[in-house]
Amino acid sequence: MMTKSNIKGGLVLALVGESGAGKTTTTAIIEEMGFAPLALGKYLRETAIAEYRTPERVQVQNLARKMQAIHGDDYYARIALSDPSFLQTRNVIIDGLRNTAELKYTTQAVADTGRKLFLVALMASDEARFLRVVGRGRAGDPLTRERFIEDDARASGSIEDGFQQNGILIGMAQHTIHNTGNMQTLRHRIGEAVEIAYLSIKKKIN
C-alpha cells in the first residue's frame, strides 16, 4: 500500500462532459496508461439500479438530487475518493465530476496527497452524443431526441443549482478533447491531453 509520500508528485486527471461525449471510453484508454480509474457515476447508478432496477436517466438525476440535498452537493465525490485506490495509486483518472462542489472537494483531496489535478473536458456534437447513447444500449437511456435534449438541459445546470453543472465544468477545464473522429484519433488526442497535463505539473514545480 502506498503512503502519501509515495504518491506525492503524481497526477490526477478528472473528466467532465455531457452524456455520450466519451468519458467512459476515455477513462478506459487512460487506465491502459497506468492510471487507477474512479467513476463517480458508478456509485450513483448502483443505488439507482437497486431502487428502480432499470432506471431512466431522469430517475438517476432525481435520485442524485435527493441524495445531494441530504448529504451535500459533493456527496458522490466523497464516496468515490474514499475508494482505497485513490490513495494506493500514484496516478488516477476520475470519470464524471458533475458540479463545482465535487470539483472543489476533489481539488482539495488531491492537493492533500501532494498530487496535481488536471481537469479535462470531453466534447462532441449533440447528434454524435445522441447516437452513442442510443447505440450503447444502456437500460434507461433516452431513446428519443426530445428526451435526450430534456435530460441534457437538466445536466447542464446553472450557478444557482449545484445538482449538476456540466456546462460550467466544461468551461472550467484546463484542456478539451474534441471527440469527433475515429478511435485512433481519440487515442491520439487523449495522449496529447495526458502529455499536456504532465507538462503543466512540471511548470508548477519549476
Protein backbone atom coordinates (compact mmCIF):
# COMPACT_ATOMS: atom_id res chain seq x y z
CA MET A 1 0.00 0.00 0.00
CA MET A 2 1.30 3.42 -0.95
CA THR A 3 1.59 6.24 1.55
CA LYS A 4 1.16 9.92 0.82
CA SER A 5 4.92 10.25 0.42
CA ASN A 6 4.85 7.53 -2.26
CA ILE A 7 2.15 9.20 -4.34
CA LYS A 8 3.35 12.78 -3.90
CA GLY A 9 4.04 14.34 -7.28
CA GLY A 10 1.52 12.12 -9.05
CA LEU A 11 -1.18 13.20 -11.47
CA VAL A 12 -4.95 13.02 -11.05
CA LEU A 13 -6.94 13.59 -14.21
CA ALA A 14 -10.63 14.44 -13.88
CA LEU A 15 -13.03 14.16 -16.81
CA VAL A 16 -16.13 16.29 -17.36
CA GLY A 17 -18.59 16.31 -20.22
CA GLU A 18 -22.14 15.66 -21.32
CA SER A 19 -23.67 12.20 -21.68
CA GLY A 20 -22.31 10.38 -24.71
CA ALA A 21 -19.21 12.54 -25.05
CA GLY A 22 -16.92 9.55 -24.49
CA LYS A 23 -15.91 9.77 -20.81
CA THR A 24 -16.14 6.03 -20.19
CA THR A 25 -14.12 5.18 -23.29
CA THR A 26 -11.54 7.84 -22.46
CA THR A 27 -11.25 6.56 -18.89
CA ALA A 28 -10.56 3.04 -20.19
CA ILE A 29 -7.85 4.32 -22.54
CA ILE A 30 -6.16 6.32 -19.79
CA GLU A 31 -6.39 3.31 -17.48
CA GLU A 32 -4.22 1.47 -20.02
CA MET A 33 -1.56 4.12 -19.32
CA GLY A 34 -1.34 3.02 -15.68
CA PHE A 35 -3.96 5.29 -14.10
CA ALA A 36 -6.34 3.89 -11.50
CA PRO A 37 -9.95 4.54 -12.58
CA LEU A 38 -12.59 6.04 -10.32
CA ALA A 39 -16.11 6.70 -11.64
CA LEU A 40 -18.45 8.93 -9.64
CA GLY A 41 -21.42 7.73 -11.66
CA LYS A 42 -20.77 4.12 -10.65
CA TYR A 43 -21.95 4.68 -7.09
CA LEU A 44 -24.98 6.68 -8.16
CA ARG A 45 -26.01 4.13 -10.81
CA GLU A 46 -25.62 1.21 -8.37
CA THR A 47 -28.01 2.95 -5.96
CA ALA A 48 -30.43 3.76 -8.78
CA ILE A 49 -30.44 0.16 -10.04
CA ALA A 50 -31.14 -1.12 -6.53
CA GLU A 51 -34.12 1.23 -6.31
CA TYR A 52 -35.51 1.19 -9.86
CA ARG A 53 -33.93 -1.95 -11.44
CA THR A 54 -33.70 -0.30 -14.89
CA PRO A 55 -33.63 3.41 -14.05
CA GLU A 56 -34.18 6.05 -16.71
CA ARG A 57 -31.71 8.94 -16.82
CA VAL A 58 -34.24 11.32 -15.27
CA GLN A 59 -34.67 8.90 -12.34
CA VAL A 60 -30.91 8.75 -11.85
CA GLN A 61 -30.76 12.54 -11.95
CA ASN A 62 -33.62 12.88 -9.45
CA LEU A 63 -32.01 10.34 -7.12
CA ALA A 64 -28.72 12.26 -7.26
CA ARG A 65 -30.55 15.48 -6.45
CA LYS A 66 -32.26 13.81 -3.49
CA MET A 67 -29.04 12.37 -2.08
CA GLN A 68 -27.17 15.65 -2.56
CA ALA A 69 -29.94 17.53 -0.76
CA ILE A 70 -29.46 15.20 2.20
CA HIS A 71 -25.66 14.79 2.18
CA GLY A 72 -24.32 17.82 0.27
CA ASP A 73 -23.53 18.54 -3.38
CA ASP A 74 -20.09 16.91 -3.06
CA TYR A 75 -21.56 13.63 -1.78
CA TYR A 76 -20.57 11.40 -4.70
CA ALA A 77 -17.06 12.82 -4.86
CA ARG A 78 -16.61 11.98 -1.19
CA ILE A 79 -17.79 8.42 -1.80
CA ALA A 80 -15.62 7.90 -4.88
CA LEU A 81 -12.46 9.31 -3.30
CA SER A 82 -12.91 7.12 -0.24
CA ASP A 83 -12.00 4.20 -2.52
CA PRO A 84 -8.61 2.80 -1.38
CA SER A 85 -7.20 3.05 -4.91
CA PHE A 86 -7.28 6.84 -4.61
CA LEU A 87 -4.51 6.60 -2.00
CA GLN A 88 -2.82 3.48 -3.35
CA THR A 89 -2.04 4.59 -6.89
CA ARG A 90 0.20 7.48 -7.88
CA ASN A 91 -1.84 8.41 -10.96
CA VAL A 92 -5.64 8.38 -11.01
CA ILE A 93 -8.32 9.07 -13.64
CA ILE A 94 -11.68 10.29 -12.27
CA ASP A 95 -14.69 9.88 -14.54
CA GLY A 96 -17.66 12.15 -14.25
CA LEU A 97 -17.40 15.17 -11.95
CA ARG A 98 -20.84 16.80 -12.15
CA ASN A 99 -20.77 20.04 -10.18
CA THR A 100 -18.45 22.67 -8.71
CA ALA A 101 -18.82 21.26 -5.18
CA GLU A 102 -17.45 17.92 -6.38
CA LEU A 103 -14.63 19.73 -8.16
CA LYS A 104 -13.79 21.75 -5.04
CA TYR A 105 -13.72 18.64 -2.85
CA THR A 106 -11.62 16.73 -5.38
CA THR A 107 -9.18 19.60 -5.81
CA GLN A 108 -8.56 19.75 -2.07
CA ALA A 109 -8.34 15.97 -1.68
CA VAL A 110 -5.78 15.76 -4.47
CA ALA A 111 -3.75 18.66 -3.03
CA ASP A 112 -3.75 16.98 0.40
CA THR A 113 -1.93 13.99 -1.11
CA GLY A 114 0.71 16.12 -2.79
CA ARG A 115 -0.53 15.41 -6.30
CA LYS A 116 -1.78 17.73 -9.03
CA LEU A 117 -5.28 17.82 -10.51
CA PHE A 118 -5.83 18.40 -14.23
CA LEU A 119 -9.38 18.93 -15.48
CA VAL A 120 -10.19 17.63 -18.96
CA ALA A 121 -13.44 18.18 -20.87
CA LEU A 122 -14.81 15.76 -23.46
CA MET A 123 -16.78 17.41 -26.25
CA ALA A 124 -18.83 16.02 -29.14
CA SER A 125 -21.74 17.24 -31.23
CA ASP A 126 -25.27 16.72 -29.91
CA GLU A 127 -26.04 14.38 -32.79
CA ALA A 128 -22.95 12.26 -32.19
CA ARG A 129 -23.65 12.06 -28.48
CA PHE A 130 -27.27 11.06 -29.03
CA LEU A 131 -26.27 8.28 -31.44
CA ARG A 132 -23.68 6.99 -28.95
CA VAL A 133 -26.21 6.98 -26.10
CA VAL A 134 -28.72 5.06 -28.19
CA GLY A 135 -26.03 2.73 -29.53
CA ARG A 136 -24.56 1.75 -26.17
CA GLY A 137 -27.84 0.10 -25.19
CA ARG A 138 -27.75 1.06 -21.53
CA ALA A 139 -31.08 0.37 -19.84
CA GLY A 140 -32.94 3.60 -19.07
CA ASP A 141 -31.06 5.79 -21.54
CA PRO A 142 -33.27 8.11 -23.62
CA LEU A 143 -34.22 6.64 -26.99
CA THR A 144 -35.78 9.77 -28.48
CA ARG A 145 -34.02 13.01 -29.39
CA GLU A 146 -36.59 15.04 -27.43
CA ARG A 147 -35.98 13.09 -24.21
CA PHE A 148 -32.23 13.29 -24.75
CA ILE A 149 -32.43 17.09 -25.04
CA GLU A 150 -34.55 17.32 -21.89
CA ASP A 151 -32.08 15.22 -19.89
CA ASP A 152 -29.16 17.25 -21.26
CA ALA A 153 -30.79 20.52 -20.19
CA ARG A 154 -31.09 19.30 -16.60
CA ALA A 155 -27.48 18.10 -16.60
CA SER A 156 -26.06 21.37 -17.96
CA GLY A 157 -27.13 23.17 -14.78
CA SER A 158 -26.53 26.69 -13.53
CA ILE A 159 -24.52 28.54 -10.89
CA GLU A 160 -27.57 28.58 -8.63
CA ASP A 161 -28.29 24.86 -8.95
CA GLY A 162 -25.45 22.72 -7.60
CA PHE A 163 -27.11 19.44 -8.54
CA GLN A 164 -25.43 19.06 -11.93
CA GLN A 165 -23.34 21.70 -13.72
CA ASN A 166 -21.81 20.05 -16.77
CA GLY A 167 -21.79 23.26 -18.79
CA ILE A 168 -19.96 25.19 -16.08
CA LEU A 169 -17.37 22.47 -15.51
CA ILE A 170 -16.66 22.18 -19.23
CA GLY A 171 -15.93 25.90 -19.25
CA MET A 172 -13.50 25.47 -16.33
CA ALA A 173 -11.50 22.64 -17.95
CA GLN A 174 -7.76 23.11 -18.47
CA HIS A 175 -7.87 21.12 -21.68
CA THR A 176 -10.61 19.99 -24.09
CA ILE A 177 -10.66 16.81 -26.14
CA HIS A 178 -12.94 17.04 -29.17
CA ASN A 179 -14.22 13.50 -29.69
CA THR A 180 -15.14 13.95 -33.33
CA GLY A 181 -13.11 11.29 -35.13
CA ASN A 182 -12.48 7.57 -35.03
CA MET A 183 -10.95 5.60 -32.17
CA GLN A 184 -7.41 6.14 -33.46
CA THR A 185 -7.96 9.90 -33.48
CA LEU A 186 -9.44 9.80 -29.99
CA ARG A 187 -6.45 7.84 -28.66
CA HIS A 188 -4.09 10.38 -30.21
CA ARG A 189 -5.95 13.30 -28.65
CA ILE A 190 -6.05 11.59 -25.27
CA GLY A 191 -2.29 11.04 -25.47
CA GLU A 192 -1.81 14.73 -26.22
CA ALA A 193 -4.01 15.67 -23.25
CA VAL A 194 -2.05 13.47 -20.84
CA GLU A 195 1.22 14.90 -22.13
CA ILE A 196 -0.07 18.45 -21.64
CA ALA A 197 -1.16 17.52 -18.12
CA TYR A 198 2.32 16.25 -17.25
CA LEU A 199 3.89 19.40 -18.71
CA SER A 200 1.60 21.54 -16.56
CA ILE A 201 2.88 19.73 -13.45
CA LYS A 202 6.49 20.39 -14.41
CA LYS A 203 5.78 24.08 -14.93
CA LYS A 204 4.16 24.35 -11.49
CA ILE A 205 7.12 22.58 -9.87
CA ASN A 206 9.64 24.82 -11.64
